[in-house]
Amino acid sequence: MIDMFSEIRSSWGFKSLILHSAFSDIKTRYQKTILGPFWVTFGSLIFSIALGVVWSTIFKIEIKTYLPYLLSGFLIWSFISNTIIESTSSLISGEFHLKNTKITILFFTSTCILRNLIIFFHNLIAFFLIAVVMDVNINFSIFFFPIFLIIISLNLYWISIIVSIICLRYRDLQQLITLTLQVLILITPILWPIDVIPESKAIFFELNPLYHLVTLLRDTLLGNTYKLNSLLFCTILLPIGFIFAFLLLKAKKSRILFWY
């Protein structure tokens, strides 16, 4: 535990650089474009409207109900999946800094999380536009949004630590994780409501951890009461995940530079 707090404390010393790096990465990625990072927002909006019109007909759900459900789930999923995918290469791309500076391993994890949080926040503009048009009942549940977002972000933090270390050692896992996430979006109740699955089989989909991460946050945006089982799942996962992540970091930290 002492090592864990020591790593966090060391990483906190680079907080200004983490903030600068996160904004700089976004600025560099979209430089010389008119809309900048709002291209992602625009793309998510167009994708959700196009898919919403078609799938609401297939599922026989009113577009007014389905579109906010689809867009909110897709935005949250994009935040989660993009963070995990980017973490697969975070240590690989940080080779120069790790070899030549005193920057900690958690610097790259922190930058990855913050960068995707910033993108997620401005993508929420698309959701609130749809929420106004579709008359979504946003109520007191929205006050739980920042709390649950912190829980999800912390879960992504330990996941990113593990993924970044493993992918540095075994490079083929980058492609495997990306492919897995592309499949998971189709078999996780994100683009489609879990209500369309027979109750006897729905439990198998609820065993998916990503389902609980998405559902916990999506319910606050849609004005629904959060699911207690999702909250318990995400909360219990936190300490278990962090302990495993820092045990892995402690065991492999001295070998990381030899994996380049």
Protein backbone atom coordinates (compact mmCIF):
# COMPACT_ATOMS: atom_id res chain seq x y z
CA MET A 1 0.00 0.00 0.00
CA ILE A 2 2.93 2.32 0.75
CA ASP A 3 4.22 1.81 -2.80
CA MET A 4 0.79 2.59 -4.20
CA PHE A 5 0.52 5.92 -2.38
CA SER A 6 4.12 6.72 -3.27
CA GLU A 7 3.36 6.21 -6.96
CA ILE A 8 0.26 8.40 -6.76
CA ARG A 9 2.15 11.10 -4.88
CA SER A 10 4.95 11.06 -7.46
CA SER A 11 2.43 11.31 -10.29
CA TRP A 12 0.64 14.21 -8.56
CA GLY A 13 3.89 16.16 -8.77
CA PHE A 14 3.40 16.27 -12.55
CA LYS A 15 -0.21 17.52 -12.37
CA SER A 16 0.50 20.71 -14.35
CA LEU A 17 2.30 18.76 -17.06
CA ILE A 18 -0.52 16.19 -17.19
CA LEU A 19 -3.07 18.96 -17.73
CA HIS A 20 -0.93 20.65 -20.38
CA SER A 21 -0.24 17.35 -22.14
CA ALA A 22 -3.93 16.36 -22.25
CA PHE A 23 -5.00 19.68 -23.81
CA SER A 24 -1.98 19.74 -26.10
CA ASP A 25 -2.74 16.26 -27.45
CA ILE A 26 -6.31 17.28 -28.32
CA LYS A 27 -5.13 20.54 -29.90
CA THR A 28 -2.51 18.74 -32.00
CA ARG A 29 -4.96 16.06 -33.12
CA TYR A 30 -7.44 18.59 -34.52
CA GLN A 31 -5.17 21.47 -35.54
CA LYS A 32 -6.09 23.34 -38.73
CA THR A 33 -9.65 21.97 -38.67
CA ILE A 34 -12.66 24.27 -38.43
CA LEU A 35 -14.65 22.37 -35.80
CA GLY A 36 -11.64 20.91 -33.98
CA PRO A 37 -12.59 18.26 -31.40
CA PHE A 38 -16.25 19.05 -32.04
CA TRP A 39 -15.94 16.86 -35.13
CA VAL A 40 -16.22 13.95 -32.69
CA THR A 41 -19.36 15.51 -31.21
CA PHE A 42 -20.84 16.10 -34.65
CA GLY A 43 -19.97 12.56 -35.75
CA SER A 44 -21.57 11.01 -32.66
CA LEU A 45 -24.71 13.08 -33.20
CA ILE A 46 -25.09 12.10 -36.87
CA PHE A 47 -24.33 8.43 -36.11
CA SER A 48 -26.93 8.29 -33.33
CA ILE A 49 -29.64 10.04 -35.34
CA ALA A 50 -29.12 7.77 -38.36
CA LEU A 51 -29.01 4.60 -36.26
CA GLY A 52 -31.82 5.81 -34.00
CA VAL A 53 -34.25 6.34 -36.88
CA VAL A 54 -33.64 2.82 -38.24
CA TRP A 55 -33.34 0.83 -35.01
CA SER A 56 -36.25 2.52 -33.26
CA THR A 57 -38.40 1.14 -36.07
CA ILE A 58 -36.86 -2.34 -35.76
CA PHE A 59 -37.27 -2.42 -31.97
CA LYS A 60 -40.67 -0.70 -32.20
CA ILE A 61 -39.63 1.98 -29.72
CA GLU A 62 -40.59 5.63 -30.02
CA ILE A 63 -37.71 7.68 -31.43
CA LYS A 64 -38.32 10.16 -28.61
CA THR A 65 -37.39 7.43 -26.10
CA TYR A 66 -34.79 5.51 -28.05
CA LEU A 67 -32.58 8.32 -29.42
CA PRO A 68 -31.56 9.77 -26.01
CA TYR A 69 -30.96 6.21 -24.77
CA LEU A 70 -28.78 5.42 -27.79
CA LEU A 71 -26.78 8.65 -27.78
CA SER A 72 -26.10 8.68 -24.03
CA GLY A 73 -24.96 5.06 -24.11
CA PHE A 74 -22.79 5.61 -27.18
CA LEU A 75 -21.05 8.67 -25.69
CA ILE A 76 -20.30 6.87 -22.43
CA TRP A 77 -19.12 3.79 -24.32
CA SER A 78 -16.85 5.96 -26.50
CA PHE A 79 -15.29 7.46 -23.37
CA ILE A 80 -14.67 4.02 -21.86
CA SER A 81 -13.48 2.22 -25.02
CA ASN A 82 -11.29 5.08 -26.28
CA THR A 83 -9.59 5.32 -22.90
CA ILE A 84 -8.84 1.60 -22.84
CA ILE A 85 -7.69 1.54 -26.48
CA GLU A 86 -5.40 4.53 -26.03
CA SER A 87 -3.95 3.02 -22.87
CA THR A 88 -2.73 0.03 -24.91
CA SER A 89 -0.10 2.28 -26.49
CA SER A 90 0.42 4.86 -23.73
CA LEU A 91 3.65 3.32 -22.38
CA ILE A 92 4.85 2.35 -25.84
CA SER A 93 4.63 5.96 -27.03
CA GLY A 94 6.20 7.17 -23.77
CA GLU A 95 9.50 5.35 -24.36
CA PHE A 96 11.63 8.49 -24.71
CA HIS A 97 10.27 10.12 -21.55
CA LEU A 98 10.55 6.98 -19.44
CA LYS A 99 14.15 6.43 -20.52
CA ASN A 100 15.35 10.02 -20.27
CA THR A 101 13.26 11.77 -17.62
CA LYS A 102 11.89 11.14 -14.13
CA ILE A 103 8.28 11.02 -15.36
CA THR A 104 6.34 8.23 -13.66
CA ILE A 105 4.38 5.48 -15.37
CA LEU A 106 1.16 6.88 -13.93
CA PHE A 107 1.79 10.14 -15.80
CA PHE A 108 0.74 8.45 -19.04
CA THR A 109 -2.32 6.82 -17.47
CA SER A 110 -3.42 10.12 -15.94
CA THR A 111 -2.95 11.99 -19.22
CA CYS A 112 -4.96 9.36 -21.11
CA ILE A 113 -7.87 9.52 -18.64
CA LEU A 114 -7.92 13.33 -18.54
CA ARG A 115 -7.73 13.69 -22.32
CA ASN A 116 -10.72 11.43 -22.84
CA LEU A 117 -12.65 13.11 -20.01
CA ILE A 118 -12.25 16.46 -21.75
CA ILE A 119 -13.51 15.00 -25.03
CA PHE A 120 -16.40 13.31 -23.20
CA PHE A 121 -17.49 16.58 -21.60
CA HIS A 122 -17.75 18.49 -24.84
CA ASN A 123 -19.44 15.49 -26.49
CA LEU A 124 -22.17 15.79 -23.85
CA ILE A 125 -23.29 18.93 -25.68
CA ALA A 126 -24.75 16.63 -28.34
CA PHE A 127 -26.72 14.72 -25.72
CA PHE A 128 -28.19 17.82 -24.08
CA LEU A 129 -29.24 19.16 -27.48
CA ILE A 130 -31.11 15.91 -28.15
CA ALA A 131 -32.46 15.92 -24.59
CA VAL A 132 -34.03 19.33 -25.15
CA VAL A 133 -35.50 18.40 -28.55
CA MET A 134 -36.79 15.02 -27.31
CA ASP A 135 -38.02 16.46 -24.00
CA VAL A 136 -35.98 14.11 -21.80
CA ASN A 137 -37.06 14.21 -18.17
CA ILE A 138 -33.77 15.36 -16.62
CA ASN A 139 -34.38 15.46 -12.86
CA PHE A 140 -32.58 15.20 -9.52
CA SER A 141 -30.77 12.08 -10.76
CA ILE A 142 -28.40 14.36 -12.68
CA PHE A 143 -26.82 15.36 -9.35
CA PHE A 144 -25.40 11.84 -9.09
CA PHE A 145 -23.68 12.28 -12.45
CA PRO A 146 -20.35 13.75 -11.18
CA ILE A 147 -20.14 11.14 -8.39
CA PHE A 148 -20.71 8.21 -10.74
CA LEU A 149 -18.37 9.72 -13.34
CA ILE A 150 -15.61 9.74 -10.72
CA ILE A 151 -16.32 6.08 -9.92
CA ILE A 152 -16.18 5.13 -13.60
CA SER A 153 -13.01 7.19 -14.20
CA LEU A 154 -11.27 5.57 -11.24
CA ASN A 155 -12.21 2.13 -12.55
CA LEU A 156 -10.79 3.12 -15.93
CA TYR A 157 -7.64 4.27 -14.15
CA TRP A 158 -6.74 0.86 -12.77
CA ILE A 159 -7.84 -0.85 -15.97
CA SER A 160 -5.55 1.46 -17.96
CA ILE A 161 -2.60 0.74 -15.68
CA ILE A 162 -2.98 -3.00 -16.23
CA VAL A 163 -3.63 -2.71 -19.97
CA SER A 164 -0.68 -0.36 -20.58
CA ILE A 165 1.79 -2.64 -18.78
CA ILE A 166 0.57 -5.87 -20.39
CA CYS A 167 0.46 -4.34 -23.88
CA LEU A 168 3.99 -3.00 -23.52
CA ARG A 169 5.18 -6.54 -22.86
CA TYR A 170 2.91 -8.30 -25.35
CA ARG A 171 2.34 -5.95 -28.31
CA ASP A 172 -0.18 -8.21 -30.09
CA LEU A 173 -2.64 -7.55 -27.30
CA GLN A 174 -3.16 -4.03 -28.65
CA GLN A 175 -5.01 -5.38 -31.67
CA LEU A 176 -6.80 -8.05 -29.64
CA ILE A 177 -8.17 -5.52 -27.11
CA THR A 178 -9.30 -3.18 -29.89
CA LEU A 179 -11.05 -6.04 -31.68
CA THR A 180 -12.67 -7.24 -28.44
CA LEU A 181 -14.11 -3.81 -27.71
CA GLN A 182 -15.51 -3.60 -31.24
CA VAL A 183 -17.36 -6.85 -30.61
CA LEU A 184 -18.45 -5.91 -27.09
CA ILE A 185 -20.32 -2.81 -28.25
CA LEU A 186 -22.59 -5.11 -30.26
CA ILE A 187 -23.29 -7.63 -27.47
CA THR A 188 -23.57 -5.09 -24.64
CA PRO A 189 -26.90 -3.25 -24.09
CA ILE A 190 -25.60 0.05 -25.41
CA LEU A 191 -27.05 0.40 -28.90
CA TRP A 192 -30.06 -1.67 -27.94
CA PRO A 193 -32.17 -1.78 -24.74
CA ILE A 194 -31.79 -4.82 -22.50
CA ASP A 195 -35.60 -5.04 -22.35
CA VAL A 196 -35.63 -6.65 -25.82
CA ILE A 197 -33.84 -9.69 -24.35
CA PRO A 198 -35.97 -12.35 -22.59
CA GLU A 199 -35.67 -11.98 -18.82
CA SER A 200 -34.27 -15.51 -18.48
CA LYS A 201 -31.31 -14.60 -20.72
CA ALA A 202 -30.80 -10.98 -19.66
CA ILE A 203 -28.72 -12.06 -16.66
CA PHE A 204 -25.93 -13.23 -18.99
CA PHE A 205 -25.64 -9.74 -20.46
CA GLU A 206 -25.67 -8.19 -16.99
CA LEU A 207 -22.52 -10.17 -16.14
CA ASN A 208 -20.65 -7.89 -18.51
CA PRO A 209 -18.73 -5.32 -16.35
CA LEU A 210 -18.90 -2.71 -19.11
CA TYR A 211 -22.70 -2.89 -18.99
CA HIS A 212 -22.68 -1.69 -15.38
CA LEU A 213 -20.18 1.10 -16.09
CA VAL A 214 -22.37 2.44 -18.91
CA THR A 215 -25.72 1.90 -17.17
CA LEU A 216 -24.69 3.60 -13.94
CA LEU A 217 -23.90 6.85 -15.72
CA ARG A 218 -26.57 6.67 -18.41
CA ASP A 219 -29.43 6.42 -15.90
CA THR A 220 -28.44 9.77 -14.37
CA LEU A 221 -28.58 11.45 -17.79
CA LEU A 222 -31.96 9.97 -18.68
CA GLY A 223 -33.57 10.88 -15.37
CA ASN A 224 -33.87 7.26 -14.24
CA THR A 225 -33.20 5.94 -10.76
CA TYR A 226 -29.77 4.36 -10.74
CA LYS A 227 -29.55 0.59 -10.43
CA LEU A 228 -28.19 -0.43 -7.03
CA ASN A 229 -26.55 -3.58 -8.40
CA SER A 230 -24.60 -1.49 -10.93
CA LEU A 231 -23.47 0.92 -8.22
CA LEU A 232 -22.38 -1.91 -5.93
CA PHE A 233 -20.59 -3.69 -8.77
CA CYS A 234 -18.61 -0.60 -9.81
CA THR A 235 -17.81 0.39 -6.22
CA ILE A 236 -16.65 -3.07 -5.11
CA LEU A 237 -14.56 -3.37 -8.27
CA LEU A 238 -12.55 -0.24 -7.36
CA PRO A 239 -10.39 -1.47 -4.44
CA ILE A 240 -9.97 -4.93 -5.99
CA GLY A 241 -8.84 -3.44 -9.28
CA PHE A 242 -6.44 -0.92 -7.73
CA ILE A 243 -4.80 -3.54 -5.52
CA PHE A 244 -4.26 -5.82 -8.51
CA ALA A 245 -3.01 -2.94 -10.71
CA PHE A 246 -0.44 -1.72 -8.19
CA LEU A 247 0.71 -5.25 -7.37
CA LEU A 248 1.34 -5.69 -11.10
CA LEU A 249 3.07 -2.32 -11.28
CA LYS A 250 5.26 -3.15 -8.29
CA ALA A 251 6.22 -6.54 -9.73
CA LYS A 252 7.02 -5.30 -13.25
CA LYS A 253 8.22 -1.72 -12.75
CA SER A 254 11.91 -2.61 -12.73
CA ARG A 255 11.56 -4.56 -16.00
CA ILE A 256 9.56 -2.06 -18.02
CA LEU A 257 12.56 -0.27 -19.55
CA PHE A 258 13.88 -3.62 -20.80
CA TRP A 259 10.69 -4.24 -22.77
CA TYR A 260 11.37 -1.51 -25.31
